[in-house]
Protein backbone atom coordinates (compact mmCIF):
# COMPACT_ATOMS: atom_id res chain seq x y z
CA GLN A 1 100.79 147.88 65.07
CA VAL A 2 97.36 149.29 65.86
CA GLN A 3 95.90 152.10 63.78
CA LEU A 4 92.89 154.25 64.60
CA VAL A 5 91.25 156.23 61.83
CA GLU A 6 88.73 158.89 62.84
CA SER A 7 86.21 160.56 60.57
CA GLY A 8 83.11 162.71 60.75
CA GLY A 9 84.36 165.97 62.20
CA GLY A 10 83.62 169.34 60.66
CA LEU A 11 81.89 172.68 61.02
CA VAL A 12 78.28 172.82 62.16
CA GLN A 13 75.94 175.46 63.48
CA ALA A 14 74.76 175.42 67.08
CA GLY A 15 71.90 172.98 67.47
CA GLY A 16 73.19 170.77 64.69
CA SER A 17 74.47 167.22 64.71
CA LEU A 18 77.60 165.32 63.77
CA ARG A 19 78.54 161.66 63.91
CA LEU A 20 82.12 160.67 64.59
CA SER A 21 83.51 157.27 63.66
CA CYS A 22 86.74 155.57 64.66
CA ALA A 23 87.86 152.33 63.06
CA ALA A 24 90.66 150.29 64.61
CA SER A 25 92.82 148.02 62.51
CA GLY A 26 96.09 146.13 62.66
CA SER A 27 97.32 143.25 64.75
CA ILE A 28 94.47 143.40 67.26
CA PHE A 29 93.67 140.38 69.40
CA SER A 30 91.02 141.97 71.59
CA ILE A 31 89.54 145.37 72.40
CA ASN A 32 88.29 146.24 75.86
CA ALA A 33 87.00 149.75 76.43
CA MET A 34 86.56 152.31 73.66
CA GLY A 35 86.00 156.01 74.09
CA TRP A 36 86.16 159.58 72.91
CA TYR A 37 88.10 162.43 74.46
CA ARG A 38 88.28 166.06 73.46
CA GLN A 39 90.67 168.93 73.90
CA ALA A 40 89.76 172.56 73.42
CA PRO A 41 92.43 175.25 72.95
CA GLY A 42 94.10 176.06 76.25
CA LYS A 43 92.33 173.25 78.08
CA GLN A 44 93.23 169.77 79.20
CA ARG A 45 92.05 166.71 77.34
CA GLU A 46 88.83 165.42 78.89
CA LEU A 47 86.76 162.27 78.63
CA VAL A 48 83.58 162.74 76.60
CA ALA A 49 82.19 159.22 76.60
CA SER A 50 83.29 155.63 76.97
CA ILE A 51 81.81 152.20 76.33
CA THR A 52 82.85 148.81 77.63
CA THR A 53 82.84 145.46 75.87
CA GLY A 54 79.46 144.80 77.43
CA SER A 55 78.16 148.18 76.15
CA THR A 56 78.08 149.90 79.52
CA THR A 57 78.42 153.60 78.81
CA ASN A 58 79.77 156.58 80.70
CA TYR A 59 79.35 160.24 79.75
CA ALA A 60 80.73 163.57 80.86
CA ASP A 61 78.02 165.58 82.59
CA SER A 62 78.30 168.28 79.94
CA VAL A 63 77.19 165.94 77.13
CA LYS A 64 74.64 163.71 78.87
CA GLY A 65 71.38 163.62 76.96
CA ARG A 66 72.99 165.06 73.82
CA PHE A 67 75.73 162.59 72.85
CA THR A 68 75.46 158.84 72.35
CA ILE A 69 78.39 156.45 72.13
CA SER A 70 78.08 153.05 70.48
CA ARG A 71 80.34 150.36 69.10
CA ASP A 72 80.37 147.67 66.45
CA ASN A 73 82.60 144.90 67.73
CA ALA A 74 82.61 143.06 64.41
CA LYS A 75 84.08 146.14 62.74
CA ASN A 76 86.28 147.28 65.67
CA THR A 77 84.58 150.64 65.34
CA VAL A 78 83.28 153.14 67.87
CA TYR A 79 80.84 155.94 67.09
CA LEU A 80 79.85 159.19 68.75
CA GLN A 81 76.52 160.69 67.76
CA MET A 82 76.50 164.33 68.78
CA ASN A 83 73.19 166.18 68.80
CA SER A 84 72.19 169.66 69.97
CA LEU A 85 75.76 170.81 69.57
CA LYS A 86 76.90 173.93 71.39
CA PRO A 87 79.81 176.29 70.71
CA GLU A 88 81.45 174.97 73.88
CA ASP A 89 81.64 171.54 72.24
CA THR A 90 84.25 172.94 69.86
CA ALA A 91 87.43 170.91 70.26
CA VAL A 92 89.65 168.28 68.70
CA TYR A 93 88.04 164.91 69.39
CA TYR A 94 90.29 161.90 69.93
CA CYS A 95 89.38 158.25 69.74
CA ASN A 96 90.86 155.96 72.40
CA ILE A 97 90.81 152.19 72.71
CA ARG A 98 92.24 149.78 75.23
CA ALA A 99 93.41 146.83 73.21
CA ARG A 100 95.61 143.80 73.25
CA ARG A 101 97.78 143.08 70.25
CA ILE A 102 98.23 139.55 68.97
CA SER A 103 101.88 139.63 70.08
CA ASP A 104 101.12 140.92 73.58
CA SER A 105 99.81 139.42 76.82
CA TYR A 106 98.58 142.77 78.16
CA PHE A 107 96.30 145.63 77.18
CA SER A 108 97.54 149.08 76.14
CA ASP A 109 95.94 152.40 75.29
CA TYR A 110 95.91 153.57 71.68
CA TRP A 111 94.94 156.98 70.36
CA GLY A 112 93.72 158.38 67.08
CA ARG A 113 95.20 161.54 65.58
CA GLY A 114 92.08 163.57 66.32
CA THR A 115 89.33 165.20 64.30
CA GLN A 116 88.28 168.83 64.58
CA VAL A 117 84.73 169.68 65.57
CA THR A 118 83.77 173.34 65.33
CA VAL A 119 80.35 174.60 66.41
CA SER A 120 79.45 178.11 65.34
CA SER A 121 76.98 180.27 67.25
């Protein structure tokens, strides 16, 4: 099994900062891409940021220049530093990894349970 544990969400005022963390554990052989998605009420889940094994990053246009994704391969952990937060950033944030289990010969997507981020105006 692969488990993802997210932390760092909460309530913050507009202009503030939060740092999300997501630690992967279990029978992991290898992790490829890691990323963060978010889903606001009544909206579809959307990609916020992703990072490859080689640390190539990709960001949604709405968060470029404000959010930074990073990863610690030794700890199987991905981070999302969120600065200059806006009320429209309010959503449940989900961690996603593409990983291969020890027992598998292929990669699969795994999701965390989500962490709430609320930005007040």
